[in-house]
C-alpha cells in the first residue's frame, strides 16, 4: 500500500499539472525528515514510512540536499537543512495561524476574563505564538509571545503530550533527562501526564510555574504532523471543578468552530481521581 499520503488523492488531482506527483513525494519526505529533526532519520525508515521505492526516495532526497532543504551527516542520518529553516523565518506577520486563532482567543478572554495562550509545538518544545489578556484585575502573564517551554512543563505543552505516543514521549525525556530530573519530572510522571490528558481530553495544571496560577488546555492537530494547544491561565483560587468545566467548554467550542475538534468531543467532567496528575504550566 502506498503510504505517501495519509489519505488518497482525489481522482485527477495531479492530472494536467506536470511533475505534481514528484513535488508531493518530495514534500512527503521533507515532512518526515522534519518530524525527526533532532534525532535524524535513515533512508530505510523514510522508504518504509512513505511507501516509495528506495531509488525514488534517494533521488528526491538528493535533490532536496542540493537545494539546501535537507542535510545528511556522516552517520547517513537526514535532517532539515538551512533553507527549510530560512523559509520559516520569512513568514510574514501576523502569521496566518495567529490570524486564524485570534478572534476565538479574544472571545474566550472576554468571556472568561482570563489570559488565553496559543502554543505550537516546535520539536521538543512548544512556543507561545499569540496571547490574549482578559479583563480580570489580576493578569496571568506567565508566558510571553515567542517564549518556549519544554514539553510537559506548561499547560499547553502538557496538553500536547496527549497527542503523542509513549515511545515518542520517552525519546523526548531521554534527550532532556537532566532538565526533567531537575524539575522533578521522572519519565513515569511524564507518561502519566499524557495518560491523564487522554482520559480527561484536556490538561489541568496547578501552581507549577508560579504559586497561585492554574491552567486548562486542549490540544489540536494541524495537518499530518503539526500540533498545538489553546490554554487558559487563571488563578488557582478561582479554579474549582465547576470553573474547570466552564473553561473546558469554552476551549472546546472555539476548537470546534475552527474545525479542529469533533462535534461530540469535549473535555471530560472534572475528575478528582488522585491517580490523574495535574502538572504545571
C-alpha atoms as a PDB file:
ATOM      1  CA  UNK A   1       0.000   0.000   0.000  1.00  0.00           C
ATOM      2  CA  UNK A   2       1.331   3.449  -0.846  1.00  0.00           C
ATOM      3  CA  UNK A   3       1.577   5.486   2.337  1.00  0.00           C
ATOM      4  CA  UNK A   4       2.769   8.620   0.566  1.00  0.00           C
ATOM      5  CA  UNK A   5      -0.335  10.495   1.665  1.00  0.00           C
ATOM      6  CA  UNK A   6      -2.400   9.788   4.735  1.00  0.00           C
ATOM      7  CA  UNK A   7      -5.456   9.847   2.525  1.00  0.00           C
ATOM      8  CA  UNK A   8      -5.822   9.037  -1.180  1.00  0.00           C
ATOM      9  CA  UNK A   9      -5.596  11.868  -3.665  1.00  0.00           C
ATOM     10  CA  UNK A  10      -8.804  12.912  -5.306  1.00  0.00           C
ATOM     11  CA  UNK A  11      -9.252  11.472  -8.824  1.00  0.00           C
ATOM     12  CA  UNK A  12      -7.494  13.655 -11.338  1.00  0.00           C
ATOM     13  CA  UNK A  13      -5.787  15.729  -8.631  1.00  0.00           C
ATOM     14  CA  UNK A  14      -2.437  15.630 -10.421  1.00  0.00           C
ATOM     15  CA  UNK A  15      -3.818  15.483 -13.945  1.00  0.00           C
ATOM     16  CA  UNK A  16      -2.709  18.430 -16.047  1.00  0.00           C
ATOM     17  CA  UNK A  17      -0.067  19.519 -13.532  1.00  0.00           C
ATOM     18  CA  UNK A  18       3.160  18.117 -14.852  1.00  0.00           C
ATOM     19  CA  UNK A  19       5.525  16.993 -12.131  1.00  0.00           C
ATOM     20  CA  UNK A  20       2.951  17.420  -9.334  1.00  0.00           C
ATOM     21  CA  UNK A  21       3.391  13.821  -8.175  1.00  0.00           C
ATOM     22  CA  UNK A  22       7.149  14.298  -7.762  1.00  0.00           C
ATOM     23  CA  UNK A  23       6.590  17.520  -5.816  1.00  0.00           C
ATOM     24  CA  UNK A  24       4.152  15.800  -3.465  1.00  0.00           C
ATOM     25  CA  UNK A  25       6.564  12.912  -2.940  1.00  0.00           C
ATOM     26  CA  UNK A  26       9.413  15.300  -2.139  1.00  0.00           C
ATOM     27  CA  UNK A  27       7.224  17.234   0.299  1.00  0.00           C
ATOM     28  CA  UNK A  28       6.157  13.980   1.954  1.00  0.00           C
ATOM     29  CA  UNK A  29       9.818  13.109   2.564  1.00  0.00           C
ATOM     30  CA  UNK A  30      10.575  16.631   3.781  1.00  0.00           C
ATOM     31  CA  UNK A  31       7.754  16.430   6.344  1.00  0.00           C
ATOM     32  CA  UNK A  32       9.005  13.080   7.614  1.00  0.00           C
ATOM     33  CA  UNK A  33      12.554  14.412   7.947  1.00  0.00           C
ATOM     34  CA  UNK A  34      11.179  17.444   9.833  1.00  0.00           C
ATOM     35  CA  UNK A  35       9.294  15.194  12.243  1.00  0.00           C
ATOM     36  CA  UNK A  36      12.655  13.776  13.398  1.00  0.00           C
ATOM     37  CA  UNK A  37      14.635  16.987  13.152  1.00  0.00           C
ATOM     38  CA  UNK A  38      16.568  16.343  16.361  1.00  0.00           C
ATOM     39  CA  UNK A  39      17.425  12.655  16.079  1.00  0.00           C
ATOM     40  CA  UNK A  40      17.703  12.400  12.287  1.00  0.00           C
ATOM     41  CA  UNK A  41      16.275   9.593  10.164  1.00  0.00           C
ATOM     42  CA  UNK A  42      17.759   6.888   7.928  1.00  0.00           C
ATOM     43  CA  UNK A  43      16.836   6.368   4.291  1.00  0.00           C
ATOM     44  CA  UNK A  44      15.468   2.899   5.058  1.00  0.00           C
ATOM     45  CA  UNK A  45      12.978   4.303   7.555  1.00  0.00           C
ATOM     46  CA  UNK A  46      11.836   7.003   5.137  1.00  0.00           C
ATOM     47  CA  UNK A  47      11.293   4.321   2.493  1.00  0.00           C
ATOM     48  CA  UNK A  48       9.195   2.215   4.889  1.00  0.00           C
ATOM     49  CA  UNK A  49       7.060   5.116   6.045  1.00  0.00           C
ATOM     50  CA  UNK A  50       6.496   6.780   2.672  1.00  0.00           C
ATOM     51  CA  UNK A  51       5.886   3.657   0.609  1.00  0.00           C
ATOM     52  CA  UNK A  52       8.295   4.939  -2.055  1.00  0.00           C
ATOM     53  CA  UNK A  53      10.879   2.654  -3.588  1.00  0.00           C
ATOM     54  CA  UNK A  54      14.450   3.188  -2.410  1.00  0.00           C
ATOM     55  CA  UNK A  55      15.733   4.634  -5.670  1.00  0.00           C
ATOM     56  CA  UNK A  56      12.960   7.241  -5.931  1.00  0.00           C
ATOM     57  CA  UNK A  57      13.342   8.272  -2.287  1.00  0.00           C
ATOM     58  CA  UNK A  58      17.122   8.584  -2.661  1.00  0.00           C
ATOM     59  CA  UNK A  59      16.846  10.737  -5.819  1.00  0.00           C
ATOM     60  CA  UNK A  60      14.292  13.060  -4.219  1.00  0.00           C
ATOM     61  CA  UNK A  61      16.354  13.416  -1.039  1.00  0.00           C
ATOM     62  CA  UNK A  62      19.465  14.152  -3.100  1.00  0.00           C
ATOM     63  CA  UNK A  63      17.566  16.935  -4.870  1.00  0.00           C
ATOM     64  CA  UNK A  64      16.398  18.344  -1.533  1.00  0.00           C
ATOM     65  CA  UNK A  65      20.012  18.237  -0.301  1.00  0.00           C
ATOM     66  CA  UNK A  66      21.256  20.064  -3.397  1.00  0.00           C
ATOM     67  CA  UNK A  67      18.684  22.802  -2.776  1.00  0.00           C
ATOM     68  CA  UNK A  68      19.610  23.067   0.909  1.00  0.00           C
ATOM     69  CA  UNK A  69      16.317  21.797   2.364  1.00  0.00           C
ATOM     70  CA  UNK A  70      17.816  18.578   3.754  1.00  0.00           C
ATOM     71  CA  UNK A  71      21.223  17.695   5.206  1.00  0.00           C
ATOM     72  CA  UNK A  72      22.837  14.252   5.619  1.00  0.00           C
ATOM     73  CA  UNK A  73      25.556  13.653   8.202  1.00  0.00           C
ATOM     74  CA  UNK A  74      28.400  11.127   8.358  1.00  0.00           C
ATOM     75  CA  UNK A  75      26.079   8.602  10.031  1.00  0.00           C
ATOM     76  CA  UNK A  76      23.790   8.824   6.962  1.00  0.00           C
ATOM     77  CA  UNK A  77      21.048  10.488   9.013  1.00  0.00           C
ATOM     78  CA  UNK A  78      18.848  13.038   7.263  1.00  0.00           C
ATOM     79  CA  UNK A  79      17.877  16.304   8.992  1.00  0.00           C
ATOM     80  CA  UNK A  80      16.393  19.620   7.917  1.00  0.00           C
ATOM     81  CA  UNK A  81      18.772  21.886   6.022  1.00  0.00           C
ATOM     82  CA  UNK A  82      19.277  25.655   6.327  1.00  0.00           C
ATOM     83  CA  UNK A  83      16.864  26.572   3.541  1.00  0.00           C
ATOM     84  CA  UNK A  84      13.973  24.873   5.353  1.00  0.00           C
ATOM     85  CA  UNK A  85      14.706  26.969   8.442  1.00  0.00           C
ATOM     86  CA  UNK A  86      15.074  30.149   6.373  1.00  0.00           C
ATOM     87  CA  UNK A  87      11.643  29.726   4.800  1.00  0.00           C
ATOM     88  CA  UNK A  88      10.047  29.560   8.229  1.00  0.00           C
ATOM     89  CA  UNK A  89      11.804  32.749   9.313  1.00  0.00           C
ATOM     90  CA  UNK A  90      10.393  34.612   6.302  1.00  0.00           C
ATOM     91  CA  UNK A  91       6.782  34.070   7.417  1.00  0.00           C
ATOM     92  CA  UNK A  92       5.018  37.448   7.250  1.00  0.00           C
ATOM     93  CA  UNK A  93       3.450  38.978  10.347  1.00  0.00           C
ATOM     94  CA  UNK A  94       0.816  38.419  11.512  1.00  0.00           C
ATOM     95  CA  UNK A  95       1.285  34.742  10.795  1.00  0.00           C
ATOM     96  CA  UNK A  96      -1.708  33.001   9.183  1.00  0.00           C
ATOM     97  CA  UNK A  97      -2.019  30.780  12.239  1.00  0.00           C
ATOM     98  CA  UNK A  98      -2.419  33.770  14.536  1.00  0.00           C
ATOM     99  CA  UNK A  99      -4.908  35.362  12.147  1.00  0.00           C
ATOM    100  CA  UNK A 100      -6.942  32.171  12.252  1.00  0.00           C
ATOM    101  CA  UNK A 101      -6.948  31.787  16.044  1.00  0.00           C
ATOM    102  CA  UNK A 102      -7.010  35.388  17.292  1.00  0.00           C
ATOM    103  CA  UNK A 103     -10.786  36.068  17.007  1.00  0.00           C
ATOM    104  CA  UNK A 104     -11.693  32.967  19.021  1.00  0.00           C
ATOM    105  CA  UNK A 105      -8.991  33.711  21.589  1.00  0.00           C
ATOM    106  CA  UNK A 106     -10.388  37.219  22.026  1.00  0.00           C
ATOM    107  CA  UNK A 107     -13.844  35.761  22.642  1.00  0.00           C
ATOM    108  CA  UNK A 108     -12.521  33.351  25.273  1.00  0.00           C
ATOM    109  CA  UNK A 109     -10.561  36.131  27.008  1.00  0.00           C
ATOM    110  CA  UNK A 110     -13.608  38.400  27.012  1.00  0.00           C
ATOM    111  CA  UNK A 111     -15.977  35.739  28.391  1.00  0.00           C
ATOM    112  CA  UNK A 112     -13.582  34.142  30.873  1.00  0.00           C
ATOM    113  CA  UNK A 113     -11.745  37.301  31.854  1.00  0.00           C
ATOM    114  CA  UNK A 114      -8.510  35.295  31.890  1.00  0.00           C
ATOM    115  CA  UNK A 115      -5.440  35.042  29.639  1.00  0.00           C
ATOM    116  CA  UNK A 116      -5.533  32.735  26.597  1.00  0.00           C
ATOM    117  CA  UNK A 117      -2.378  31.282  25.030  1.00  0.00           C
ATOM    118  CA  UNK A 118      -1.762  29.749  21.597  1.00  0.00           C
ATOM    119  CA  UNK A 119       1.063  27.226  21.973  1.00  0.00           C
ATOM    120  CA  UNK A 120       2.565  25.452  18.932  1.00  0.00           C
ATOM    121  CA  UNK A 121       4.925  22.502  19.059  1.00  0.00           C
ATOM    122  CA  UNK A 122       8.479  23.005  17.794  1.00  0.00           C
ATOM    123  CA  UNK A 123      10.388  19.745  18.225  1.00  0.00           C
ATOM    124  CA  UNK A 124      10.641  19.019  21.950  1.00  0.00           C
ATOM    125  CA  UNK A 125       9.296  22.472  22.850  1.00  0.00           C
ATOM    126  CA  UNK A 126       6.108  24.435  22.495  1.00  0.00           C
ATOM    127  CA  UNK A 127       6.228  28.112  21.587  1.00  0.00           C
ATOM    128  CA  UNK A 128       3.731  30.806  22.510  1.00  0.00           C
ATOM    129  CA  UNK A 129       2.673  32.251  19.154  1.00  0.00           C
ATOM    130  CA  UNK A 130      -0.078  34.516  20.499  1.00  0.00           C
ATOM    131  CA  UNK A 131      -1.629  35.709  23.757  1.00  0.00           C
ATOM    132  CA  UNK A 132      -4.906  37.445  24.590  1.00  0.00           C
ATOM    133  CA  UNK A 133      -5.274  39.035  28.026  1.00  0.00           C
ATOM    134  CA  UNK A 134      -8.677  39.082  29.723  1.00  0.00           C
ATOM    135  CA  UNK A 135     -10.247  41.805  31.823  1.00  0.00           C
ATOM    136  CA  UNK A 136      -9.756  40.459  35.349  1.00  0.00           C
ATOM    137  CA  UNK A 137      -7.882  42.672  37.786  1.00  0.00           C
ATOM    138  CA  UNK A 138      -5.056  40.155  38.283  1.00  0.00           C
ATOM    139  CA  UNK A 139      -3.442  39.398  34.899  1.00  0.00           C
ATOM    140  CA  UNK A 140      -1.852  35.991  34.249  1.00  0.00           C
ATOM    141  CA  UNK A 141       1.268  36.775  32.188  1.00  0.00           C
ATOM    142  CA  UNK A 142       3.349  33.675  32.885  1.00  0.00           C
ATOM    143  CA  UNK A 143       4.283  33.124  29.219  1.00  0.00           C
ATOM    144  CA  UNK A 144       5.348  35.784  26.716  1.00  0.00           C
ATOM    145  CA  UNK A 145       4.833  35.625  22.956  1.00  0.00           C
ATOM    146  CA  UNK A 146       7.860  33.877  21.453  1.00  0.00           C
ATOM    147  CA  UNK A 147       8.742  32.114  24.699  1.00  0.00           C
ATOM    148  CA  UNK A 148       9.320  28.355  24.547  1.00  0.00           C
ATOM    149  CA  UNK A 149       8.679  25.684  27.148  1.00  0.00           C
ATOM    150  CA  UNK A 150       9.802  22.069  27.269  1.00  0.00           C
ATOM    151  CA  UNK A 151       7.048  19.528  26.618  1.00  0.00           C
ATOM    152  CA  UNK A 152       5.295  18.630  29.856  1.00  0.00           C
ATOM    153  CA  UNK A 153       6.295  21.793  31.748  1.00  0.00           C
ATOM    154  CA  UNK A 154       3.310  24.028  30.990  1.00  0.00           C
ATOM    155  CA  UNK A 155      -0.432  23.710  30.429  1.00  0.00           C
ATOM    156  CA  UNK A 156      -0.263  23.835  26.623  1.00  0.00           C
ATOM    157  CA  UNK A 157       2.778  21.578  26.498  1.00  0.00           C
ATOM    158  CA  UNK A 158       1.113  19.031  28.794  1.00  0.00           C
ATOM    159  CA  UNK A 159      -1.963  19.056  26.539  1.00  0.00           C
ATOM    160  CA  UNK A 160       0.237  18.292  23.509  1.00  0.00           C
ATOM    161  CA  UNK A 161       1.608  15.202  25.297  1.00  0.00           C
ATOM    162  CA  UNK A 162      -1.842  13.653  24.897  1.00  0.00           C
ATOM    163  CA  UNK A 163      -1.393  13.586  21.109  1.00  0.00           C
ATOM    164  CA  UNK A 164       1.959  11.775  21.308  1.00  0.00           C
ATOM    165  CA  UNK A 165       2.581   8.059  21.800  1.00  0.00           C
ATOM    166  CA  UNK A 166       4.551   6.779  24.777  1.00  0.00           C
ATOM    167  CA  UNK A 167       7.598   5.853  22.689  1.00  0.00           C
ATOM    168  CA  UNK A 168       7.961   9.392  21.344  1.00  0.00           C
ATOM    169  CA  UNK A 169       7.493  10.853  24.827  1.00  0.00           C
ATOM    170  CA  UNK A 170      10.219   8.515  26.087  1.00  0.00           C
ATOM    171  CA  UNK A 171      12.634   9.777  23.440  1.00  0.00           C
ATOM    172  CA  UNK A 172      11.884  13.396  24.378  1.00  0.00           C
ATOM    173  CA  UNK A 173      12.564  12.630  28.049  1.00  0.00           C
ATOM    174  CA  UNK A 174      15.872  10.924  27.213  1.00  0.00           C
ATOM    175  CA  UNK A 175      17.056  13.935  25.204  1.00  0.00           C
ATOM    176  CA  UNK A 176      16.307  16.280  28.123  1.00  0.00           C
ATOM    177  CA  UNK A 177      16.801  13.931  31.070  1.00  0.00           C
ATOM    178  CA  UNK A 178      18.841  16.433  33.098  1.00  0.00           C
ATOM    179  CA  UNK A 179      16.256  19.186  32.645  1.00  0.00           C
ATOM    180  CA  UNK A 180      13.319  16.937  33.538  1.00  0.00           C
ATOM    181  CA  UNK A 181      15.151  15.476  36.523  1.00  0.00           C
ATOM    182  CA  UNK A 182      15.931  18.961  37.781  1.00  0.00           C
ATOM    183  CA  UNK A 183      12.234  19.798  37.578  1.00  0.00           C
ATOM    184  CA  UNK A 184      11.290  16.646  39.483  1.00  0.00           C
ATOM    185  CA  UNK A 185       9.648  15.005  36.463  1.00  0.00           C
ATOM    186  CA  UNK A 186      10.755  11.370  36.030  1.00  0.00           C
ATOM    187  CA  UNK A 187       9.749   9.586  32.842  1.00  0.00           C
ATOM    188  CA  UNK A 188       6.949   7.753  34.655  1.00  0.00           C
ATOM    189  CA  UNK A 189       5.353  11.055  35.626  1.00  0.00           C
ATOM    190  CA  UNK A 190       5.632  12.471  32.106  1.00  0.00           C
ATOM    191  CA  UNK A 191       3.886   9.368  30.746  1.00  0.00           C
ATOM    192  CA  UNK A 192       1.244   9.660  33.475  1.00  0.00           C
ATOM    193  CA  UNK A 193       0.577  13.256  32.416  1.00  0.00           C
ATOM    194  CA  UNK A 194      -0.038  12.110  28.842  1.00  0.00           C
ATOM    195  CA  UNK A 195      -2.401   9.350  30.008  1.00  0.00           C
ATOM    196  CA  UNK A 196      -4.326  11.834  32.152  1.00  0.00           C
ATOM    197  CA  UNK A 197      -4.784  14.177  29.175  1.00  0.00           C
ATOM    198  CA  UNK A 198      -6.099  11.302  27.046  1.00  0.00           C
ATOM    199  CA  UNK A 199      -8.623  10.389  29.756  1.00  0.00           C
ATOM    200  CA  UNK A 200      -9.720  13.954  30.556  1.00  0.00           C
ATOM    201  CA  UNK A 201      -9.308  15.196  26.964  1.00  0.00           C
ATOM    202  CA  UNK A 202      -7.641  18.283  28.391  1.00  0.00           C
ATOM    203  CA  UNK A 203      -4.686  19.270  30.569  1.00  0.00           C
ATOM    204  CA  UNK A 204      -5.318  20.741  34.022  1.00  0.00           C
ATOM    205  CA  UNK A 205      -2.420  22.304  35.925  1.00  0.00           C
ATOM    206  CA  UNK A 206      -1.895  23.933  39.324  1.00  0.00           C
ATOM    207  CA  UNK A 207       0.834  26.120  40.859  1.00  0.00           C
ATOM    208  CA  UNK A 208       3.668  24.945  38.640  1.00  0.00           C
ATOM    209  CA  UNK A 209       5.355  27.979  37.088  1.00  0.00           C
ATOM    210  CA  UNK A 210       4.095  30.404  39.708  1.00  0.00           C
ATOM    211  CA  UNK A 211       2.295  29.776  43.002  1.00  0.00           C
ATOM    212  CA  UNK A 212      -1.382  30.602  42.769  1.00  0.00           C
ATOM    213  CA  UNK A 213      -1.581  30.107  38.990  1.00  0.00           C
ATOM    214  CA  UNK A 214      -3.598  27.311  37.363  1.00  0.00           C
ATOM    215  CA  UNK A 215      -4.472  26.442  33.786  1.00  0.00           C
ATOM    216  CA  UNK A 216      -6.506  24.320  31.421  1.00  0.00           C
ATOM    217  CA  UNK A 217      -5.508  23.431  27.845  1.00  0.00           C
ATOM    218  CA  UNK A 218      -6.785  21.450  24.878  1.00  0.00           C
ATOM    219  CA  UNK A 219      -4.532  20.207  22.082  1.00  0.00           C
ATOM    220  CA  UNK A 220      -5.210  20.010  18.353  1.00  0.00           C
ATOM    221  CA  UNK A 221      -3.542  18.755  15.186  1.00  0.00           C
ATOM    222  CA  UNK A 222      -2.774  20.877  12.134  1.00  0.00           C
ATOM    223  CA  UNK A 223      -2.326  18.586   9.157  1.00  0.00           C
ATOM    224  CA  UNK A 224      -0.373  15.366   9.450  1.00  0.00           C
ATOM    225  CA  UNK A 225       2.429  16.362  11.824  1.00  0.00           C
ATOM    226  CA  UNK A 226       1.903  19.790  13.401  1.00  0.00           C
ATOM    227  CA  UNK A 227       0.494  20.016  16.934  1.00  0.00           C
ATOM    228  CA  UNK A 228      -0.570  22.863  19.156  1.00  0.00           C
ATOM    229  CA  UNK A 229      -2.812  23.775  22.052  1.00  0.00           C
ATOM    230  CA  UNK A 230      -5.067  26.533  23.311  1.00  0.00           C
ATOM    231  CA  UNK A 231      -4.723  27.123  27.042  1.00  0.00           C
ATOM    232  CA  UNK A 232      -6.198  29.463  29.635  1.00  0.00           C
ATOM    233  CA  UNK A 233      -4.229  30.780  32.598  1.00  0.00           C
ATOM    234  CA  UNK A 234      -6.212  31.688  35.708  1.00  0.00           C
ATOM    235  CA  UNK A 235      -5.908  31.977  39.471  1.00  0.00           C
ATOM    236  CA  UNK A 236      -5.843  28.750  41.462  1.00  0.00           C
ATOM    237  CA  UNK A 237      -8.255  30.285  43.963  1.00  0.00           C
ATOM    238  CA  UNK A 238     -10.972  30.601  41.309  1.00  0.00           C
ATOM    239  CA  UNK A 239     -10.335  27.307  39.509  1.00  0.00           C
ATOM    240  CA  UNK A 240     -12.680  24.826  41.170  1.00  0.00           C
ATOM    241  CA  UNK A 241     -14.370  21.912  39.378  1.00  0.00           C
ATOM    242  CA  UNK A 242     -17.279  23.978  38.042  1.00  0.00           C
ATOM    243  CA  UNK A 243     -14.974  26.586  36.511  1.00  0.00           C
ATOM    244  CA  UNK A 244     -12.714  23.884  35.085  1.00  0.00           C
ATOM    245  CA  UNK A 245     -15.724  22.549  33.203  1.00  0.00           C
ATOM    246  CA  UNK A 246     -16.822  26.018  32.031  1.00  0.00           C
ATOM    247  CA  UNK A 247     -13.396  26.913  30.682  1.00  0.00           C
ATOM    248  CA  UNK A 248     -13.052  23.482  29.065  1.00  0.00           C
ATOM    249  CA  UNK A 249     -16.332  24.075  27.241  1.00  0.00           C
ATOM    250  CA  UNK A 250     -15.118  27.482  26.046  1.00  0.00           C
ATOM    251  CA  UNK A 251     -11.942  25.945  24.599  1.00  0.00           C
ATOM    252  CA  UNK A 252     -13.799  23.033  23.031  1.00  0.00           C
ATOM    253  CA  UNK A 253     -16.346  25.363  21.444  1.00  0.00           C
ATOM    254  CA  UNK A 254     -13.713  27.503  19.744  1.00  0.00           C
ATOM    255  CA  UNK A 255     -11.754  24.477  18.517  1.00  0.00           C
ATOM    256  CA  UNK A 256     -14.964  23.030  17.069  1.00  0.00           C
ATOM    257  CA  UNK A 257     -15.647  26.335  15.313  1.00  0.00           C
ATOM    258  CA  UNK A 258     -12.161  26.149  13.794  1.00  0.00           C
ATOM    259  CA  UNK A 259     -12.815  22.584  12.620  1.00  0.00           C
ATOM    260  CA  UNK A 260     -10.125  21.177  14.921  1.00  0.00           C
ATOM    261  CA  UNK A 261     -12.414  19.218  17.247  1.00  0.00           C
ATOM    262  CA  UNK A 262     -15.246  16.807  16.515  1.00  0.00           C
ATOM    263  CA  UNK A 263     -18.788  17.872  17.367  1.00  0.00           C
ATOM    264  CA  UNK A 264     -19.034  15.202  20.041  1.00  0.00           C
ATOM    265  CA  UNK A 265     -15.614  15.850  21.577  1.00  0.00           C
ATOM    266  CA  UNK A 266     -15.418  17.842  24.791  1.00  0.00           C
ATOM    267  CA  UNK A 267     -13.417  17.995  27.978  1.00  0.00           C
ATOM    268  CA  UNK A 268     -14.441  15.311  30.446  1.00  0.00           C
ATOM    269  CA  UNK A 269     -16.149  16.492  33.658  1.00  0.00           C
ATOM    270  CA  UNK A 270     -13.603  17.472  36.337  1.00  0.00           C
ATOM    271  CA  UNK A 271     -12.043  14.320  37.762  1.00  0.00           C
ATOM    272  CA  UNK A 272     -10.812  14.359  41.326  1.00  0.00           C
ATOM    273  CA  UNK A 273      -9.065  10.970  40.987  1.00  0.00           C
ATOM    274  CA  UNK A 274      -5.567  11.485  42.521  1.00  0.00           C
ATOM    275  CA  UNK A 275      -4.187   8.956  40.016  1.00  0.00           C
ATOM    276  CA  UNK A 276      -4.671  11.583  37.299  1.00  0.00           C
ATOM    277  CA  UNK A 277      -1.754  14.001  37.788  1.00  0.00           C
ATOM    278  CA  UNK A 278      -2.217  17.736  37.432  1.00  0.00           C
ATOM    279  CA  UNK A 279       1.090  19.079  36.176  1.00  0.00           C
ATOM    280  CA  UNK A 280       2.463  22.553  35.601  1.00  0.00           C
ATOM    281  CA  UNK A 281       2.223  25.370  33.120  1.00  0.00           C
END
